[in-house]
N, C-alpha and C. Protein backbone atom coordinates (compact mmCIF):
# COMPACT_ATOMS: atom_id res chain seq x y z
N UNK A 1 70.27 83.53 9.05
CA UNK A 1 69.76 82.15 9.01
C UNK A 1 68.97 81.90 10.29
N UNK A 2 67.93 81.17 10.19
CA UNK A 2 67.08 80.90 11.34
C UNK A 2 67.82 80.06 12.36
N UNK A 3 67.63 80.42 13.62
CA UNK A 3 68.32 79.71 14.70
C UNK A 3 67.93 78.24 14.70
N UNK A 4 68.92 77.38 14.69
CA UNK A 4 68.70 75.94 14.73
C UNK A 4 68.65 75.28 13.36
N UNK A 5 68.36 76.05 12.32
CA UNK A 5 68.23 75.44 11.00
C UNK A 5 69.54 74.83 10.52
N UNK A 6 70.60 75.61 10.57
CA UNK A 6 71.87 75.12 10.02
C UNK A 6 72.32 73.83 10.71
N UNK A 7 72.19 73.81 12.02
CA UNK A 7 72.58 72.60 12.77
C UNK A 7 71.72 71.40 12.36
N UNK A 8 70.42 71.60 12.24
CA UNK A 8 69.52 70.51 11.85
C UNK A 8 69.80 70.06 10.42
N UNK A 9 70.05 71.02 9.53
CA UNK A 9 70.32 70.72 8.12
C UNK A 9 71.62 69.93 7.97
N UNK A 10 72.66 70.37 8.66
CA UNK A 10 73.96 69.68 8.60
C UNK A 10 73.84 68.29 9.24
N UNK A 11 73.12 68.20 10.34
CA UNK A 11 72.94 66.92 11.01
C UNK A 11 72.22 65.92 10.10
N UNK A 12 71.23 66.38 9.37
CA UNK A 12 70.50 65.51 8.44
C UNK A 12 71.42 65.00 7.33
N UNK A 13 72.29 65.87 6.84
CA UNK A 13 73.25 65.45 5.81
C UNK A 13 74.28 64.48 6.40
N UNK A 14 74.64 64.70 7.65
CA UNK A 14 75.58 63.79 8.32
C UNK A 14 75.01 62.38 8.42
N UNK A 15 73.70 62.29 8.59
CA UNK A 15 73.06 60.97 8.63
C UNK A 15 73.19 60.26 7.28
N UNK A 16 73.13 61.02 6.20
CA UNK A 16 73.32 60.43 4.87
C UNK A 16 74.75 59.91 4.73
N UNK A 17 75.72 60.68 5.20
CA UNK A 17 77.12 60.22 5.17
C UNK A 17 77.26 58.96 6.02
N UNK A 18 76.65 58.96 7.20
CA UNK A 18 76.71 57.77 8.07
C UNK A 18 76.09 56.55 7.40
N UNK A 19 75.03 56.77 6.65
CA UNK A 19 74.40 55.68 5.90
C UNK A 19 75.40 55.06 4.92
N UNK A 20 76.16 55.90 4.23
CA UNK A 20 77.16 55.41 3.28
C UNK A 20 78.30 54.69 3.99
N UNK A 21 78.73 55.23 5.12
CA UNK A 21 79.79 54.58 5.90
C UNK A 21 79.32 53.22 6.43
N UNK A 22 78.07 53.15 6.83
CA UNK A 22 77.50 51.89 7.30
C UNK A 22 77.43 50.87 6.16
N UNK A 23 77.05 51.32 4.98
CA UNK A 23 77.01 50.46 3.80
C UNK A 23 78.39 49.86 3.54
N UNK A 24 79.42 50.69 3.61
CA UNK A 24 80.79 50.19 3.42
C UNK A 24 81.16 49.19 4.50
N UNK A 25 80.92 49.55 5.74
CA UNK A 25 81.30 48.70 6.87
C UNK A 25 80.60 47.35 6.82
N UNK A 26 79.29 47.36 6.58
CA UNK A 26 78.51 46.12 6.57
C UNK A 26 78.93 45.17 5.46
N UNK A 27 79.47 45.71 4.38
CA UNK A 27 79.90 44.85 3.27
C UNK A 27 81.42 44.68 3.24
N UNK A 28 82.06 45.15 4.32
CA UNK A 28 83.51 45.01 4.48
C UNK A 28 84.28 45.61 3.30
N UNK A 29 83.82 46.79 2.88
CA UNK A 29 84.49 47.55 1.82
C UNK A 29 85.11 48.80 2.43
N UNK A 30 86.04 49.38 1.69
CA UNK A 30 86.68 50.61 2.15
C UNK A 30 86.66 51.64 1.02
N UNK A 31 86.73 52.90 1.41
CA UNK A 31 86.82 53.98 0.43
C UNK A 31 87.61 55.13 1.05
N UNK A 32 88.26 55.89 0.18
CA UNK A 32 88.97 57.09 0.62
C UNK A 32 88.03 58.29 0.62
N UNK A 33 87.13 58.32 -0.36
CA UNK A 33 86.14 59.39 -0.47
C UNK A 33 84.80 58.79 -0.89
N UNK A 34 83.75 59.47 -0.45
CA UNK A 34 82.39 59.08 -0.82
C UNK A 34 81.73 60.28 -1.48
N UNK A 35 81.16 60.04 -2.63
CA UNK A 35 80.42 61.08 -3.37
C UNK A 35 78.95 60.70 -3.32
N UNK A 36 78.15 61.56 -2.73
CA UNK A 36 76.74 61.24 -2.50
C UNK A 36 75.88 62.22 -3.30
N UNK A 37 74.97 61.66 -4.06
CA UNK A 37 74.07 62.46 -4.87
C UNK A 37 72.65 62.31 -4.33
N UNK A 38 72.02 63.43 -4.00
CA UNK A 38 70.63 63.44 -3.58
C UNK A 38 69.85 64.34 -4.52
N UNK A 39 68.65 63.94 -4.83
CA UNK A 39 67.77 64.76 -5.65
C UNK A 39 66.37 64.63 -5.10
N UNK A 40 65.67 65.76 -5.10
CA UNK A 40 64.27 65.72 -4.69
C UNK A 40 63.50 66.79 -5.45
N UNK A 41 62.28 66.43 -5.82
CA UNK A 41 61.29 67.40 -6.30
C UNK A 41 59.93 66.84 -5.93
N UNK A 42 58.88 67.44 -6.40
CA UNK A 42 57.54 67.00 -5.99
C UNK A 42 57.22 65.57 -6.42
N UNK A 43 57.86 65.10 -7.48
CA UNK A 43 57.55 63.77 -8.00
C UNK A 43 58.54 62.68 -7.59
N UNK A 44 59.71 63.07 -7.12
CA UNK A 44 60.76 62.07 -7.00
C UNK A 44 61.78 62.41 -5.92
N UNK A 45 62.21 61.38 -5.20
CA UNK A 45 63.36 61.45 -4.29
C UNK A 45 64.35 60.41 -4.77
N UNK A 46 65.61 60.79 -4.80
CA UNK A 46 66.62 59.87 -5.33
C UNK A 46 67.93 60.03 -4.58
N UNK A 47 68.57 58.93 -4.30
CA UNK A 47 69.89 58.92 -3.69
C UNK A 47 70.77 57.95 -4.47
N UNK A 48 72.02 58.31 -4.61
CA UNK A 48 73.02 57.42 -5.20
C UNK A 48 74.36 57.83 -4.61
N UNK A 49 75.33 56.98 -4.78
CA UNK A 49 76.67 57.28 -4.29
C UNK A 49 77.69 56.56 -5.15
N UNK A 50 78.88 57.11 -5.18
CA UNK A 50 80.01 56.39 -5.74
C UNK A 50 81.20 56.64 -4.84
N UNK A 51 82.18 55.78 -4.98
CA UNK A 51 83.24 55.70 -3.99
C UNK A 51 84.61 55.74 -4.66
N UNK A 52 85.51 56.47 -4.02
CA UNK A 52 86.88 56.55 -4.52
C UNK A 52 87.79 55.75 -3.59
N UNK A 53 88.58 54.91 -4.19
CA UNK A 53 89.58 54.13 -3.45
C UNK A 53 90.86 54.11 -4.29
N UNK A 54 91.92 54.65 -3.72
CA UNK A 54 93.24 54.67 -4.38
C UNK A 54 93.16 55.27 -5.78
N UNK A 55 92.40 56.35 -5.92
CA UNK A 55 92.32 57.05 -7.20
C UNK A 55 91.38 56.45 -8.23
N UNK A 56 90.68 55.38 -7.87
CA UNK A 56 89.72 54.75 -8.77
C UNK A 56 88.30 54.95 -8.22
N UNK A 57 87.35 55.09 -9.13
CA UNK A 57 85.96 55.27 -8.74
C UNK A 57 85.16 53.99 -8.93
N UNK A 58 84.23 53.76 -8.01
CA UNK A 58 83.39 52.57 -8.04
C UNK A 58 81.94 52.98 -7.78
N UNK A 59 81.03 52.44 -8.56
CA UNK A 59 79.62 52.70 -8.34
C UNK A 59 79.07 51.75 -7.28
N UNK A 60 77.88 52.05 -6.81
CA UNK A 60 77.27 51.15 -5.82
C UNK A 60 77.08 49.75 -6.41
N UNK A 61 76.71 49.68 -7.69
CA UNK A 61 76.48 48.35 -8.29
C UNK A 61 77.77 47.56 -8.46
N UNK A 62 78.90 48.22 -8.48
CA UNK A 62 80.18 47.51 -8.56
C UNK A 62 80.64 46.98 -7.21
N UNK A 63 80.14 47.58 -6.13
CA UNK A 63 80.62 47.21 -4.80
C UNK A 63 79.62 46.42 -3.95
N UNK A 64 78.34 46.59 -4.24
CA UNK A 64 77.34 46.07 -3.32
C UNK A 64 76.30 45.21 -4.02
N UNK A 65 75.66 44.34 -3.22
CA UNK A 65 74.61 43.48 -3.75
C UNK A 65 73.34 44.30 -4.00
N UNK A 66 72.44 43.73 -4.77
CA UNK A 66 71.17 44.39 -5.05
C UNK A 66 70.39 44.64 -3.76
N UNK A 67 70.43 43.69 -2.85
CA UNK A 67 69.73 43.84 -1.57
C UNK A 67 70.33 44.99 -0.76
N UNK A 68 71.66 45.09 -0.72
CA UNK A 68 72.31 46.18 0.00
C UNK A 68 71.95 47.54 -0.61
N UNK A 69 71.92 47.59 -1.93
CA UNK A 69 71.58 48.83 -2.63
C UNK A 69 70.12 49.21 -2.36
N UNK A 70 69.21 48.24 -2.38
CA UNK A 70 67.81 48.52 -2.09
C UNK A 70 67.63 49.07 -0.67
N UNK A 71 68.31 48.47 0.30
CA UNK A 71 68.24 48.96 1.69
C UNK A 71 68.82 50.37 1.79
N UNK A 72 69.94 50.60 1.11
CA UNK A 72 70.58 51.92 1.08
C UNK A 72 69.61 52.95 0.50
N UNK A 73 68.97 52.61 -0.60
CA UNK A 73 68.04 53.53 -1.25
C UNK A 73 66.86 53.83 -0.33
N UNK A 74 66.27 52.80 0.28
CA UNK A 74 65.12 53.01 1.16
C UNK A 74 65.47 53.93 2.33
N UNK A 75 66.61 53.67 2.97
CA UNK A 75 67.03 54.52 4.09
C UNK A 75 67.38 55.93 3.61
N UNK A 76 68.00 56.01 2.45
CA UNK A 76 68.37 57.31 1.89
C UNK A 76 67.17 58.17 1.55
N UNK A 77 66.13 57.56 1.03
CA UNK A 77 64.91 58.31 0.72
C UNK A 77 64.29 58.85 2.02
N UNK A 78 64.34 58.07 3.09
CA UNK A 78 63.87 58.56 4.39
C UNK A 78 64.69 59.77 4.82
N UNK A 79 66.00 59.72 4.61
CA UNK A 79 66.87 60.85 4.96
C UNK A 79 66.54 62.08 4.12
N UNK A 80 66.24 61.88 2.84
CA UNK A 80 65.85 63.01 1.98
C UNK A 80 64.55 63.62 2.50
N UNK A 81 63.59 62.78 2.85
CA UNK A 81 62.32 63.28 3.39
C UNK A 81 62.55 64.07 4.68
N UNK A 82 63.50 63.63 5.48
CA UNK A 82 63.84 64.34 6.72
C UNK A 82 64.41 65.72 6.39
N UNK A 83 65.27 65.80 5.40
CA UNK A 83 65.84 67.09 4.99
C UNK A 83 64.73 68.02 4.50
N UNK A 84 63.82 67.49 3.70
CA UNK A 84 62.68 68.29 3.20
C UNK A 84 61.85 68.81 4.38
N UNK A 85 61.59 67.92 5.34
CA UNK A 85 60.80 68.31 6.52
C UNK A 85 61.50 69.42 7.32
N UNK A 86 62.81 69.33 7.45
CA UNK A 86 63.57 70.36 8.17
C UNK A 86 63.42 71.70 7.45
N UNK A 87 63.59 71.69 6.14
CA UNK A 87 63.45 72.94 5.38
C UNK A 87 62.05 73.52 5.52
N UNK A 88 61.03 72.66 5.48
CA UNK A 88 59.65 73.14 5.64
C UNK A 88 59.44 73.71 7.04
N UNK A 89 59.96 73.03 8.05
CA UNK A 89 59.78 73.47 9.43
C UNK A 89 60.39 74.85 9.66
N UNK A 90 61.48 75.15 8.99
CA UNK A 90 62.15 76.45 9.14
C UNK A 90 61.77 77.42 8.02
N UNK A 91 60.84 77.01 7.16
CA UNK A 91 60.39 77.83 6.04
C UNK A 91 61.56 78.32 5.18
N UNK A 92 62.42 77.35 4.85
CA UNK A 92 63.61 77.60 4.04
C UNK A 92 63.47 76.79 2.75
N UNK A 93 63.82 77.40 1.63
CA UNK A 93 63.77 76.68 0.36
C UNK A 93 64.74 75.50 0.40
N UNK A 94 64.26 74.34 0.01
CA UNK A 94 65.09 73.13 0.02
C UNK A 94 65.76 72.97 -1.35
N UNK A 95 67.04 72.67 -1.36
CA UNK A 95 67.69 72.40 -2.64
C UNK A 95 67.04 71.21 -3.34
N UNK A 96 67.06 71.24 -4.66
CA UNK A 96 66.60 70.09 -5.43
C UNK A 96 67.73 69.07 -5.57
N UNK A 97 68.94 69.56 -5.69
CA UNK A 97 70.10 68.69 -5.94
C UNK A 97 71.16 68.95 -4.88
N UNK A 98 71.68 67.85 -4.33
CA UNK A 98 72.76 67.90 -3.36
C UNK A 98 73.91 67.06 -3.92
N UNK A 99 75.09 67.61 -3.91
CA UNK A 99 76.29 66.84 -4.24
C UNK A 99 77.19 66.94 -3.02
N UNK A 100 77.26 65.85 -2.29
CA UNK A 100 78.00 65.80 -1.04
C UNK A 100 79.25 64.97 -1.23
N UNK A 101 80.35 65.46 -0.71
CA UNK A 101 81.61 64.72 -0.78
C UNK A 101 82.16 64.58 0.63
N UNK A 102 82.43 63.34 1.00
CA UNK A 102 82.98 63.07 2.32
C UNK A 102 84.33 62.39 2.16
N UNK A 103 85.37 63.01 2.71
CA UNK A 103 86.70 62.43 2.71
C UNK A 103 86.83 61.56 3.95
N UNK A 104 86.87 60.26 3.76
CA UNK A 104 86.88 59.30 4.86
C UNK A 104 88.18 59.44 5.66
N UNK A 105 89.27 59.73 5.00
CA UNK A 105 90.58 59.81 5.65
C UNK A 105 90.69 61.04 6.55
N UNK A 106 90.37 62.20 6.00
CA UNK A 106 90.48 63.45 6.77
C UNK A 106 89.20 63.79 7.54
N UNK A 107 88.12 63.04 7.25
CA UNK A 107 86.80 63.28 7.84
C UNK A 107 86.26 64.67 7.51
N UNK A 108 86.65 65.18 6.34
CA UNK A 108 86.15 66.49 5.90
C UNK A 108 84.95 66.30 4.99
N UNK A 109 84.13 67.31 4.96
CA UNK A 109 82.85 67.25 4.26
C UNK A 109 82.71 68.48 3.39
N UNK A 110 82.24 68.29 2.16
CA UNK A 110 81.98 69.40 1.26
C UNK A 110 80.61 69.18 0.64
N UNK A 111 79.93 70.28 0.36
CA UNK A 111 78.60 70.16 -0.22
C UNK A 111 78.40 71.21 -1.30
N UNK A 112 77.59 70.83 -2.26
CA UNK A 112 77.23 71.72 -3.35
C UNK A 112 75.73 71.53 -3.58
N UNK A 113 74.99 72.63 -3.58
CA UNK A 113 73.54 72.56 -3.70
C UNK A 113 73.08 73.27 -4.96
N UNK A 114 72.01 72.77 -5.51
CA UNK A 114 71.38 73.43 -6.65
C UNK A 114 69.90 73.60 -6.31
N UNK A 115 69.43 74.83 -6.35
CA UNK A 115 68.05 75.12 -6.01
C UNK A 115 67.12 75.09 -7.21
N UNK A 116 67.70 74.99 -8.40
CA UNK A 116 66.89 74.83 -9.61
C UNK A 116 66.53 73.36 -9.78
N UNK A 117 65.38 73.12 -10.35
CA UNK A 117 65.00 71.75 -10.64
C UNK A 117 65.78 71.31 -11.88
N UNK A 118 66.98 70.79 -11.66
CA UNK A 118 67.93 70.53 -12.75
C UNK A 118 67.43 69.52 -13.77
N UNK A 119 66.53 68.65 -13.39
CA UNK A 119 65.99 67.71 -14.39
C UNK A 119 65.21 68.46 -15.46
N UNK A 120 64.54 69.53 -15.06
CA UNK A 120 63.80 70.34 -16.03
C UNK A 120 64.73 71.31 -16.76
N UNK A 121 65.60 71.97 -16.01
CA UNK A 121 66.50 72.98 -16.59
C UNK A 121 67.42 72.35 -17.63
N UNK A 122 68.00 71.20 -17.28
CA UNK A 122 68.96 70.54 -18.17
C UNK A 122 68.31 69.48 -19.06
N UNK A 123 67.02 69.22 -18.86
CA UNK A 123 66.30 68.20 -19.61
C UNK A 123 67.02 66.85 -19.54
N UNK A 124 67.39 66.48 -18.31
CA UNK A 124 68.04 65.19 -18.06
C UNK A 124 67.34 64.53 -16.88
N UNK A 125 67.40 63.20 -16.85
CA UNK A 125 66.89 62.52 -15.67
C UNK A 125 68.01 62.39 -14.63
N UNK A 126 67.65 61.97 -13.42
CA UNK A 126 68.64 61.94 -12.34
C UNK A 126 69.78 60.97 -12.64
N UNK A 127 69.51 59.89 -13.32
CA UNK A 127 70.58 58.94 -13.64
C UNK A 127 71.63 59.59 -14.53
N UNK A 128 71.19 60.41 -15.47
CA UNK A 128 72.14 61.13 -16.34
C UNK A 128 72.94 62.15 -15.53
N UNK A 129 72.28 62.79 -14.57
CA UNK A 129 72.97 63.78 -13.74
C UNK A 129 74.05 63.13 -12.87
N UNK A 130 73.72 61.98 -12.30
CA UNK A 130 74.72 61.25 -11.50
C UNK A 130 75.88 60.81 -12.39
N UNK A 131 75.54 60.29 -13.56
CA UNK A 131 76.58 59.84 -14.50
C UNK A 131 77.48 61.02 -14.92
N UNK A 132 76.89 62.17 -15.15
CA UNK A 132 77.68 63.36 -15.50
C UNK A 132 78.65 63.72 -14.37
N UNK A 133 78.17 63.66 -13.13
CA UNK A 133 79.03 63.99 -11.99
C UNK A 133 80.15 62.95 -11.86
N UNK A 134 79.79 61.67 -12.01
CA UNK A 134 80.78 60.59 -11.96
C UNK A 134 81.89 60.84 -12.99
N UNK A 135 81.49 61.15 -14.22
CA UNK A 135 82.46 61.40 -15.29
C UNK A 135 83.33 62.62 -14.98
N UNK A 136 82.74 63.64 -14.40
CA UNK A 136 83.48 64.85 -14.04
C UNK A 136 84.53 64.54 -12.96
N UNK A 137 84.15 63.78 -11.96
CA UNK A 137 85.08 63.40 -10.90
C UNK A 137 86.18 62.50 -11.47
N UNK A 138 85.80 61.56 -12.33
CA UNK A 138 86.79 60.66 -12.95
C UNK A 138 87.81 61.46 -13.76
N UNK A 139 87.33 62.45 -14.49
CA UNK A 139 88.22 63.30 -15.30
C UNK A 139 89.18 64.07 -14.39
N UNK A 140 88.67 64.61 -13.30
CA UNK A 140 89.51 65.32 -12.34
C UNK A 140 90.58 64.40 -11.76
N UNK A 141 90.19 63.19 -11.39
CA UNK A 141 91.16 62.23 -10.85
C UNK A 141 92.23 61.90 -11.87
N UNK A 142 91.82 61.73 -13.12
CA UNK A 142 92.77 61.43 -14.19
C UNK A 142 93.74 62.59 -14.39
N UNK A 143 93.23 63.81 -14.38
CA UNK A 143 94.09 64.99 -14.53
C UNK A 143 95.04 65.16 -13.33
N UNK A 144 94.57 64.78 -12.15
CA UNK A 144 95.41 64.86 -10.95
C UNK A 144 96.59 63.90 -11.01
N UNK A 145 96.41 62.79 -11.71
CA UNK A 145 97.50 61.80 -11.83
C UNK A 145 98.59 62.26 -12.78
N UNK A 146 98.26 63.20 -13.66
CA UNK A 146 99.22 63.65 -14.67
C UNK A 146 100.20 64.63 -14.10
């Protein structure tokens, strides 16, 4: 791996996590885990998040005002552009899809990347992809309770 890339790449993702933590703090909300979805291709940059609290999942629209969501999206798109710029600067292929999970309690971070343009491969738009991930996490939480 190119020297400096990993640190810059992780730091850029940390800023996205910080954005979500700031969103929670500013609206006086809490979460145990944050699930962050990023997508980028030549035509589109997209960010979304959902939040786990006491085993229940909440979407951004369930927790935050339209104005808060718009600000979150605008800042998140800037963060996505920063990640793309880092990958270009180091001549590294940038993932199209990022699934980031931040455990607020343990402060642990997990990431899953997809380098395929999943909107084309799966013939789904980003909203469907986020919804699929949300349903998958919800199913896992339900199975964990059993």
